[in-house]
Full PDB file with SEQRES, HELIX, SHEET, SSBOND, CRYST1, ORIGX, SCALE, CONECT and MASTER records, all heavy atoms in Angstrom:
SEQRES   1 A   31  VAL ASN LEU PHE TRP PHE VAL TRP GLY MET VAL LEU LEU          
SEQRES   2 A   31  VAL ALA GLN GLY VAL LEU PRO LEU ASN PRO ASP GLY ASN          
SEQRES   3 A   31  ILE GLY GLN THR CYS                                          
HELIX    1 AA1 ASN A    2  ALA A   15  1                                  14    
HELIX    2 AA2 GLN A   16  VAL A   18  5                                   3    
CRYST1    1.000    1.000    1.000  90.00  90.00  90.00 P 1           1          
ORIGX1      1.000000  0.000000  0.000000        0.00000                         
ORIGX2      0.000000  1.000000  0.000000        0.00000                         
ORIGX3      0.000000  0.000000  1.000000        0.00000                         
SCALE1      1.000000  0.000000  0.000000        0.00000                         
SCALE2      0.000000  1.000000  0.000000        0.00000                         
SCALE3      0.000000  0.000000  1.000000        0.00000                         
ATOM      1  N   VAL A   1     140.329 341.253 291.023  1.00  0.00           N  
ATOM      2  CA  VAL A   1     140.630 340.270 289.997  1.00  0.00           C  
ATOM      3  C   VAL A   1     141.998 339.610 290.355  1.00  0.00           C  
ATOM      4  O   VAL A   1     142.234 338.339 290.051  1.00  0.00           O  
ATOM      5  CB  VAL A   1     140.654 340.883 288.561  1.00  0.00           C  
ATOM      6  CG1 VAL A   1     141.841 341.731 288.320  1.00  0.00           C  
ATOM      7  CG2 VAL A   1     140.503 339.724 287.586  1.00  0.00           C  
ATOM      8  N   ASN A   2     142.951 340.296 290.946  1.00  0.00           N  
ATOM      9  CA  ASN A   2     144.232 339.696 291.296  1.00  0.00           C  
ATOM     10  C   ASN A   2     144.093 338.736 292.511  1.00  0.00           C  
ATOM     11  O   ASN A   2     144.695 337.637 292.461  1.00  0.00           O  
ATOM     12  CB  ASN A   2     145.293 340.794 291.611  1.00  0.00           C  
ATOM     13  CG  ASN A   2     145.858 341.345 290.402  1.00  0.00           C  
ATOM     14  OD1 ASN A   2     146.928 340.888 289.964  1.00  0.00           O  
ATOM     15  ND2 ASN A   2     145.299 342.304 289.792  1.00  0.00           N  
ATOM     16  N   LEU A   3     143.168 339.061 293.328  1.00  0.00           N  
ATOM     17  CA  LEU A   3     142.881 338.201 294.532  1.00  0.00           C  
ATOM     18  C   LEU A   3     142.275 336.882 293.995  1.00  0.00           C  
ATOM     19  O   LEU A   3     142.624 335.749 294.436  1.00  0.00           O  
ATOM     20  CB  LEU A   3     141.996 338.843 295.461  1.00  0.00           C  
ATOM     21  CG  LEU A   3     141.584 337.941 296.707  1.00  0.00           C  
ATOM     22  CD1 LEU A   3     142.741 337.627 297.525  1.00  0.00           C  
ATOM     23  CD2 LEU A   3     140.512 338.686 297.571  1.00  0.00           C  
ATOM     24  N   PHE A   4     141.357 336.988 293.024  1.00  0.00           N  
ATOM     25  CA  PHE A   4     140.774 335.719 292.404  1.00  0.00           C  
ATOM     26  C   PHE A   4     141.844 334.866 291.876  1.00  0.00           C  
ATOM     27  O   PHE A   4     141.786 333.639 292.063  1.00  0.00           O  
ATOM     28  CB  PHE A   4     139.673 336.179 291.441  1.00  0.00           C  
ATOM     29  CG  PHE A   4     139.228 334.969 290.617  1.00  0.00           C  
ATOM     30  CD1 PHE A   4     138.210 334.159 291.179  1.00  0.00           C  
ATOM     31  CD2 PHE A   4     139.782 334.689 289.271  1.00  0.00           C  
ATOM     32  CE1 PHE A   4     137.781 332.955 290.344  1.00  0.00           C  
ATOM     33  CE2 PHE A   4     139.325 333.640 288.585  1.00  0.00           C  
ATOM     34  CZ  PHE A   4     138.313 332.795 289.132  1.00  0.00           C  
ATOM     35  N   TRP A   5     142.703 335.434 291.052  1.00  0.00           N  
ATOM     36  CA  TRP A   5     143.731 334.636 290.371  1.00  0.00           C  
ATOM     37  C   TRP A   5     144.709 334.042 291.351  1.00  0.00           C  
ATOM     38  O   TRP A   5     145.284 332.985 291.178  1.00  0.00           O  
ATOM     39  CB  TRP A   5     144.456 335.476 289.328  1.00  0.00           C  
ATOM     40  CG  TRP A   5     143.564 335.818 288.102  1.00  0.00           C  
ATOM     41  CD1 TRP A   5     143.222 337.093 287.755  1.00  0.00           C  
ATOM     42  CD2 TRP A   5     142.905 334.946 287.334  1.00  0.00           C  
ATOM     43  NE1 TRP A   5     142.439 337.012 286.637  1.00  0.00           N  
ATOM     44  CE2 TRP A   5     142.193 335.705 286.353  1.00  0.00           C  
ATOM     45  CE3 TRP A   5     142.785 333.489 287.262  1.00  0.00           C  
ATOM     46  CZ2 TRP A   5     141.382 335.040 285.389  1.00  0.00           C  
ATOM     47  CZ3 TRP A   5     142.012 332.908 286.244  1.00  0.00           C  
ATOM     48  CH2 TRP A   5     141.339 333.713 285.335  1.00  0.00           C  
ATOM     49  N   PHE A   6     144.917 334.718 292.469  1.00  0.00           N  
ATOM     50  CA  PHE A   6     145.853 334.086 293.574  1.00  0.00           C  
ATOM     51  C   PHE A   6     145.245 332.768 294.008  1.00  0.00           C  
ATOM     52  O   PHE A   6     145.950 331.876 294.115  1.00  0.00           O  
ATOM     53  CB  PHE A   6     146.040 335.110 294.668  1.00  0.00           C  
ATOM     54  CG  PHE A   6     146.709 334.521 295.816  1.00  0.00           C  
ATOM     55  CD1 PHE A   6     148.026 334.196 295.856  1.00  0.00           C  
ATOM     56  CD2 PHE A   6     145.999 334.292 297.087  1.00  0.00           C  
ATOM     57  CE1 PHE A   6     148.655 333.612 296.943  1.00  0.00           C  
ATOM     58  CE2 PHE A   6     146.582 333.754 298.171  1.00  0.00           C  
ATOM     59  CZ  PHE A   6     147.912 333.337 298.070  1.00  0.00           C  
ATOM     60  N   VAL A   7     143.989 332.857 294.320  1.00  0.00           N  
ATOM     61  CA  VAL A   7     143.291 331.623 294.897  1.00  0.00           C  
ATOM     62  C   VAL A   7     143.329 330.603 293.761  1.00  0.00           C  
ATOM     63  O   VAL A   7     143.610 329.365 294.086  1.00  0.00           O  
ATOM     64  CB  VAL A   7     141.852 331.852 295.228  1.00  0.00           C  
ATOM     65  CG1 VAL A   7     141.224 330.556 295.677  1.00  0.00           C  
ATOM     66  CG2 VAL A   7     141.846 332.887 296.377  1.00  0.00           C  
ATOM     67  N   TRP A   8     143.036 330.887 292.545  1.00  0.00           N  
ATOM     68  CA  TRP A   8     143.096 329.958 291.327  1.00  0.00           C  
ATOM     69  C   TRP A   8     144.527 329.347 291.254  1.00  0.00           C  
ATOM     70  O   TRP A   8     144.669 328.081 291.144  1.00  0.00           O  
ATOM     71  CB  TRP A   8     142.849 330.732 290.090  1.00  0.00           C  
ATOM     72  CG  TRP A   8     143.084 330.107 288.819  1.00  0.00           C  
ATOM     73  CD1 TRP A   8     144.249 329.954 288.158  1.00  0.00           C  
ATOM     74  CD2 TRP A   8     142.057 329.499 287.921  1.00  0.00           C  
ATOM     75  NE1 TRP A   8     144.125 329.315 286.968  1.00  0.00           N  
ATOM     76  CE2 TRP A   8     142.784 328.998 286.835  1.00  0.00           C  
ATOM     77  CE3 TRP A   8     140.640 329.242 288.075  1.00  0.00           C  
ATOM     78  CZ2 TRP A   8     142.183 328.362 285.756  1.00  0.00           C  
ATOM     79  CZ3 TRP A   8     140.078 328.557 286.924  1.00  0.00           C  
ATOM     80  CH2 TRP A   8     140.798 328.116 285.874  1.00  0.00           C  
ATOM     81  N   GLY A   9     145.490 330.078 291.302  1.00  0.00           N  
ATOM     82  CA  GLY A   9     146.833 329.598 291.197  1.00  0.00           C  
ATOM     83  C   GLY A   9     147.328 328.755 292.363  1.00  0.00           C  
ATOM     84  O   GLY A   9     147.904 327.642 292.074  1.00  0.00           O  
ATOM     85  N   MET A  10     146.928 329.031 293.561  1.00  0.00           N  
ATOM     86  CA  MET A  10     147.304 328.259 294.775  1.00  0.00           C  
ATOM     87  C   MET A  10     146.700 326.794 294.585  1.00  0.00           C  
ATOM     88  O   MET A  10     147.426 325.811 294.854  1.00  0.00           O  
ATOM     89  CB  MET A  10     146.888 328.981 295.979  1.00  0.00           C  
ATOM     90  CG  MET A  10     147.721 330.077 296.519  1.00  0.00           C  
ATOM     91  SD  MET A  10     149.300 329.503 297.113  1.00  0.00           S  
ATOM     92  CE  MET A  10     148.862 328.526 298.447  1.00  0.00           C  
ATOM     93  N   VAL A  11     145.525 326.793 294.288  1.00  0.00           N  
ATOM     94  CA  VAL A  11     144.795 325.432 294.114  1.00  0.00           C  
ATOM     95  C   VAL A  11     145.498 324.645 293.091  1.00  0.00           C  
ATOM     96  O   VAL A  11     145.753 323.441 293.415  1.00  0.00           O  
ATOM     97  CB  VAL A  11     143.265 325.631 293.834  1.00  0.00           C  
ATOM     98  CG1 VAL A  11     142.689 324.329 293.543  1.00  0.00           C  
ATOM     99  CG2 VAL A  11     142.600 326.245 294.993  1.00  0.00           C  
ATOM    100  N   LEU A  12     145.697 325.157 291.812  1.00  0.00           N  
ATOM    101  CA  LEU A  12     146.238 324.360 290.857  1.00  0.00           C  
ATOM    102  C   LEU A  12     147.717 323.941 291.075  1.00  0.00           C  
ATOM    103  O   LEU A  12     148.095 322.860 290.759  1.00  0.00           O  
ATOM    104  CB  LEU A  12     146.146 325.093 289.491  1.00  0.00           C  
ATOM    105  CG  LEU A  12     144.779 325.428 288.986  1.00  0.00           C  
ATOM    106  CD1 LEU A  12     144.791 326.060 287.538  1.00  0.00           C  
ATOM    107  CD2 LEU A  12     143.881 324.175 288.950  1.00  0.00           C  
ATOM    108  N   LEU A  13     148.584 324.795 291.669  1.00  0.00           N  
ATOM    109  CA  LEU A  13     149.913 324.438 291.952  1.00  0.00           C  
ATOM    110  C   LEU A  13     150.048 323.364 292.948  1.00  0.00           C  
ATOM    111  O   LEU A  13     150.885 322.488 292.750  1.00  0.00           O  
ATOM    112  CB  LEU A  13     150.689 325.692 292.369  1.00  0.00           C  
ATOM    113  CG  LEU A  13     151.005 326.818 291.247  1.00  0.00           C  
ATOM    114  CD1 LEU A  13     151.485 328.080 291.829  1.00  0.00           C  
ATOM    115  CD2 LEU A  13     151.868 326.298 290.175  1.00  0.00           C  
ATOM    116  N   VAL A  14     149.207 323.456 293.994  1.00  0.00           N  
ATOM    117  CA  VAL A  14     149.379 322.401 294.981  1.00  0.00           C  
ATOM    118  C   VAL A  14     148.798 321.012 294.469  1.00  0.00           C  
ATOM    119  O   VAL A  14     149.305 319.937 294.852  1.00  0.00           O  
ATOM    120  CB  VAL A  14     148.529 322.816 296.300  1.00  0.00           C  
ATOM    121  CG1 VAL A  14     148.421 321.639 297.225  1.00  0.00           C  
ATOM    122  CG2 VAL A  14     149.119 324.004 296.986  1.00  0.00           C  
ATOM    123  N   ALA A  15     147.817 321.075 293.551  1.00  0.00           N  
ATOM    124  CA  ALA A  15     147.159 319.858 293.098  1.00  0.00           C  
ATOM    125  C   ALA A  15     147.738 319.423 291.752  1.00  0.00           C  
ATOM    126  O   ALA A  15     147.156 318.445 291.126  1.00  0.00           O  
ATOM    127  CB  ALA A  15     145.688 320.149 292.968  1.00  0.00           C  
ATOM    128  N   GLN A  16     148.731 320.039 291.176  1.00  0.00           N  
ATOM    129  CA  GLN A  16     149.129 319.802 289.849  1.00  0.00           C  
ATOM    130  C   GLN A  16     149.498 318.304 289.565  1.00  0.00           C  
ATOM    131  O   GLN A  16     149.355 317.808 288.469  1.00  0.00           O  
ATOM    132  CB  GLN A  16     150.335 320.616 289.452  1.00  0.00           C  
ATOM    133  CG  GLN A  16     151.592 320.395 290.174  1.00  0.00           C  
ATOM    134  CD  GLN A  16     152.777 321.327 289.552  1.00  0.00           C  
ATOM    135  OE1 GLN A  16     152.580 322.097 288.801  1.00  0.00           O  
ATOM    136  NE2 GLN A  16     153.924 321.120 290.257  1.00  0.00           N  
ATOM    137  N   GLY A  17     149.962 317.559 290.705  1.00  0.00           N  
ATOM    138  CA  GLY A  17     150.409 316.226 290.504  1.00  0.00           C  
ATOM    139  C   GLY A  17     149.280 315.334 290.108  1.00  0.00           C  
ATOM    140  O   GLY A  17     149.564 314.223 289.482  1.00  0.00           O  
ATOM    141  N   VAL A  18     148.080 315.675 290.286  1.00  0.00           N  
ATOM    142  CA  VAL A  18     146.878 314.731 289.958  1.00  0.00           C  
ATOM    143  C   VAL A  18     146.152 315.366 288.873  1.00  0.00           C  
ATOM    144  O   VAL A  18     145.019 314.853 288.548  1.00  0.00           O  
ATOM    145  CB  VAL A  18     146.001 314.485 291.200  1.00  0.00           C  
ATOM    146  CG1 VAL A  18     146.752 313.880 292.426  1.00  0.00           C  
ATOM    147  CG2 VAL A  18     145.455 315.812 291.734  1.00  0.00           C  
ATOM    148  N   LEU A  19     146.554 316.472 288.286  1.00  0.00           N  
ATOM    149  CA  LEU A  19     145.897 316.986 287.163  1.00  0.00           C  
ATOM    150  C   LEU A  19     146.418 316.524 285.842  1.00  0.00           C  
ATOM    151  O   LEU A  19     147.436 315.931 285.756  1.00  0.00           O  
ATOM    152  CB  LEU A  19     146.051 318.535 287.314  1.00  0.00           C  
ATOM    153  CG  LEU A  19     145.379 319.263 288.487  1.00  0.00           C  
ATOM    154  CD1 LEU A  19     145.718 320.707 288.472  1.00  0.00           C  
ATOM    155  CD2 LEU A  19     143.844 319.031 288.376  1.00  0.00           C  
ATOM    156  N   PRO A  20     145.683 316.723 284.759  1.00  0.00           N  
ATOM    157  CA  PRO A  20     146.150 316.169 283.372  1.00  0.00           C  
ATOM    158  C   PRO A  20     147.328 316.911 282.881  1.00  0.00           C  
ATOM    159  O   PRO A  20     147.772 317.903 283.472  1.00  0.00           O  
ATOM    160  CB  PRO A  20     144.856 316.479 282.546  1.00  0.00           C  
ATOM    161  CG  PRO A  20     144.180 317.534 283.163  1.00  0.00           C  
ATOM    162  CD  PRO A  20     144.330 317.303 284.664  1.00  0.00           C  
ATOM    163  N   LEU A  21     147.798 316.560 281.636  1.00  0.00           N  
ATOM    164  CA  LEU A  21     148.910 317.189 280.969  1.00  0.00           C  
ATOM    165  C   LEU A  21     150.107 317.131 281.847  1.00  0.00           C  
ATOM    166  O   LEU A  21     150.881 318.230 282.044  1.00  0.00           O  
ATOM    167  CB  LEU A  21     148.608 318.648 280.577  1.00  0.00           C  
ATOM    168  CG  LEU A  21     147.629 318.783 279.448  1.00  0.00           C  
ATOM    169  CD1 LEU A  21     147.304 320.163 279.151  1.00  0.00           C  
ATOM    170  CD2 LEU A  21     147.939 317.991 278.162  1.00  0.00           C  
ATOM    171  N   ASN A  22     150.487 315.951 282.344  1.00  0.00           N  
ATOM    172  CA  ASN A  22     151.611 315.682 283.212  1.00  0.00           C  
ATOM    173  C   ASN A  22     152.381 314.431 282.931  1.00  0.00           C  
ATOM    174  O   ASN A  22     152.532 313.548 283.624  1.00  0.00           O  
ATOM    175  CB  ASN A  22     151.156 315.664 284.751  1.00  0.00           C  
ATOM    176  CG  ASN A  22     152.296 315.607 285.705  1.00  0.00           C  
ATOM    177  OD1 ASN A  22     153.481 315.965 285.316  1.00  0.00           O  
ATOM    178  ND2 ASN A  22     152.053 315.240 286.900  1.00  0.00           N  
ATOM    179  N   PRO A  23     152.842 314.476 281.562  1.00  0.00           N  
ATOM    180  CA  PRO A  23     153.526 313.163 281.097  1.00  0.00           C  
ATOM    181  C   PRO A  23     154.820 312.866 281.866  1.00  0.00           C  
ATOM    182  O   PRO A  23     155.151 311.721 281.911  1.00  0.00           O  
ATOM    183  CB  PRO A  23     153.772 313.440 279.617  1.00  0.00           C  
ATOM    184  CG  PRO A  23     153.861 315.059 279.583  1.00  0.00           C  
ATOM    185  CD  PRO A  23     152.869 315.537 280.618  1.00  0.00           C  
ATOM    186  N   ASP A  24     155.416 313.816 282.551  1.00  0.00           N  
ATOM    187  CA  ASP A  24     156.672 313.554 283.214  1.00  0.00           C  
ATOM    188  C   ASP A  24     156.500 313.159 284.739  1.00  0.00           C  
ATOM    189  O   ASP A  24     157.476 312.819 285.424  1.00  0.00           O  
ATOM    190  CB  ASP A  24     157.635 314.783 283.103  1.00  0.00           C  
ATOM    191  CG  ASP A  24     158.026 315.100 281.746  1.00  0.00           C  
ATOM    192  OD1 ASP A  24     158.074 314.180 280.849  1.00  0.00           O  
ATOM    193  OD2 ASP A  24     158.300 316.212 281.459  1.00  0.00           O  
ATOM    194  N   GLY A  25     155.106 313.205 285.142  1.00  0.00           N  
ATOM    195  CA  GLY A  25     154.830 312.750 286.546  1.00  0.00           C  
ATOM    196  C   GLY A  25     155.313 313.731 287.654  1.00  0.00           C  
ATOM    197  O   GLY A  25     155.763 313.293 288.684  1.00  0.00           O  
ATOM    198  N   ASN A  26     155.413 314.984 287.291  1.00  0.00           N  
ATOM    199  CA  ASN A  26     155.902 316.100 288.352  1.00  0.00           C  
ATOM    200  C   ASN A  26     154.829 316.103 289.479  1.00  0.00           C  
ATOM    201  O   ASN A  26     153.704 316.069 289.186  1.00  0.00           O  
ATOM    202  CB  ASN A  26     156.082 317.393 287.726  1.00  0.00           C  
ATOM    203  CG  ASN A  26     157.280 317.355 286.770  1.00  0.00           C  
ATOM    204  OD1 ASN A  26     158.018 316.480 286.795  1.00  0.00           O  
ATOM    205  ND2 ASN A  26     157.278 318.416 285.862  1.00  0.00           N  
ATOM    206  N   ILE A  27     155.306 316.302 290.690  1.00  0.00           N  
ATOM    207  CA  ILE A  27     154.435 316.263 291.861  1.00  0.00           C  
ATOM    208  C   ILE A  27     153.929 317.741 292.161  1.00  0.00           C  
ATOM    209  O   ILE A  27     154.454 318.729 291.654  1.00  0.00           O  
ATOM    210  CB  ILE A  27     155.181 315.712 293.109  1.00  0.00           C  
ATOM    211  CG1 ILE A  27     156.368 316.604 293.447  1.00  0.00           C  
ATOM    212  CG2 ILE A  27     155.629 314.317 292.838  1.00  0.00           C  
ATOM    213  CD1 ILE A  27     157.036 316.143 294.799  1.00  0.00           C  
ATOM    214  N   GLY A  28     153.006 317.840 293.033  1.00  0.00           N  
ATOM    215  CA  GLY A  28     152.490 319.159 293.335  1.00  0.00           C  
ATOM    216  C   GLY A  28     153.529 319.941 294.225  1.00  0.00           C  
ATOM    217  O   GLY A  28     154.339 319.344 294.936  1.00  0.00           O  
ATOM    218  N   GLN A  29     153.345 321.303 294.340  1.00  0.00           N  
ATOM    219  CA  GLN A  29     154.277 322.118 295.114  1.00  0.00           C  
ATOM    220  C   GLN A  29     153.815 322.087 296.556  1.00  0.00           C  
ATOM    221  O   GLN A  29     152.645 321.837 296.811  1.00  0.00           O  
ATOM    222  CB  GLN A  29     154.354 323.522 294.550  1.00  0.00           C  
ATOM    223  CG  GLN A  29     154.923 323.552 293.149  1.00  0.00           C  
ATOM    224  CD  GLN A  29     155.189 325.090 292.767  1.00  0.00           C  
ATOM    225  OE1 GLN A  29     154.765 326.064 293.438  1.00  0.00           O  
ATOM    226  NE2 GLN A  29     155.965 325.224 291.631  1.00  0.00           N  
ATOM    227  N   THR A  30     154.823 322.324 297.402  1.00  0.00           N  
ATOM    228  CA  THR A  30     154.413 322.511 298.841  1.00  0.00           C  
ATOM    229  C   THR A  30     153.636 323.901 299.035  1.00  0.00           C  
ATOM    230  O   THR A  30     153.680 324.743 298.001  1.00  0.00           O  
ATOM    231  CB  THR A  30     155.735 322.624 299.752  1.00  0.00           C  
ATOM    232  OG1 THR A  30     156.403 323.662 299.293  1.00  0.00           O  
ATOM    233  CG2 THR A  30     156.521 321.268 299.611  1.00  0.00           C  
ATOM    234  N   CYS A  31     152.941 323.973 300.097  1.00  0.00           N  
ATOM    235  CA  CYS A  31     152.180 325.223 300.276  1.00  0.00           C  
ATOM    236  C   CYS A  31     153.019 326.507 300.311  1.00  0.00           C  
ATOM    237  O   CYS A  31     152.603 327.480 299.639  1.00  0.00           O  
ATOM    238  CB  CYS A  31     151.400 325.171 301.588  1.00  0.00           C  
ATOM    239  SG  CYS A  31     150.113 324.016 301.627  1.00  0.00           S  
TER     240      CYS A  31                                                      
MASTER        0    0    0    2    0    0    0    6  239    1    0    3          
END                                                                             
């Protein structure tokens, strides 16, 4: 279950700049 959440988190953190709930326009994190 921890391995699954690691993959989940990596994808969302790198792509956060194009995901919703971003009123301040913050960009995605580097790898």
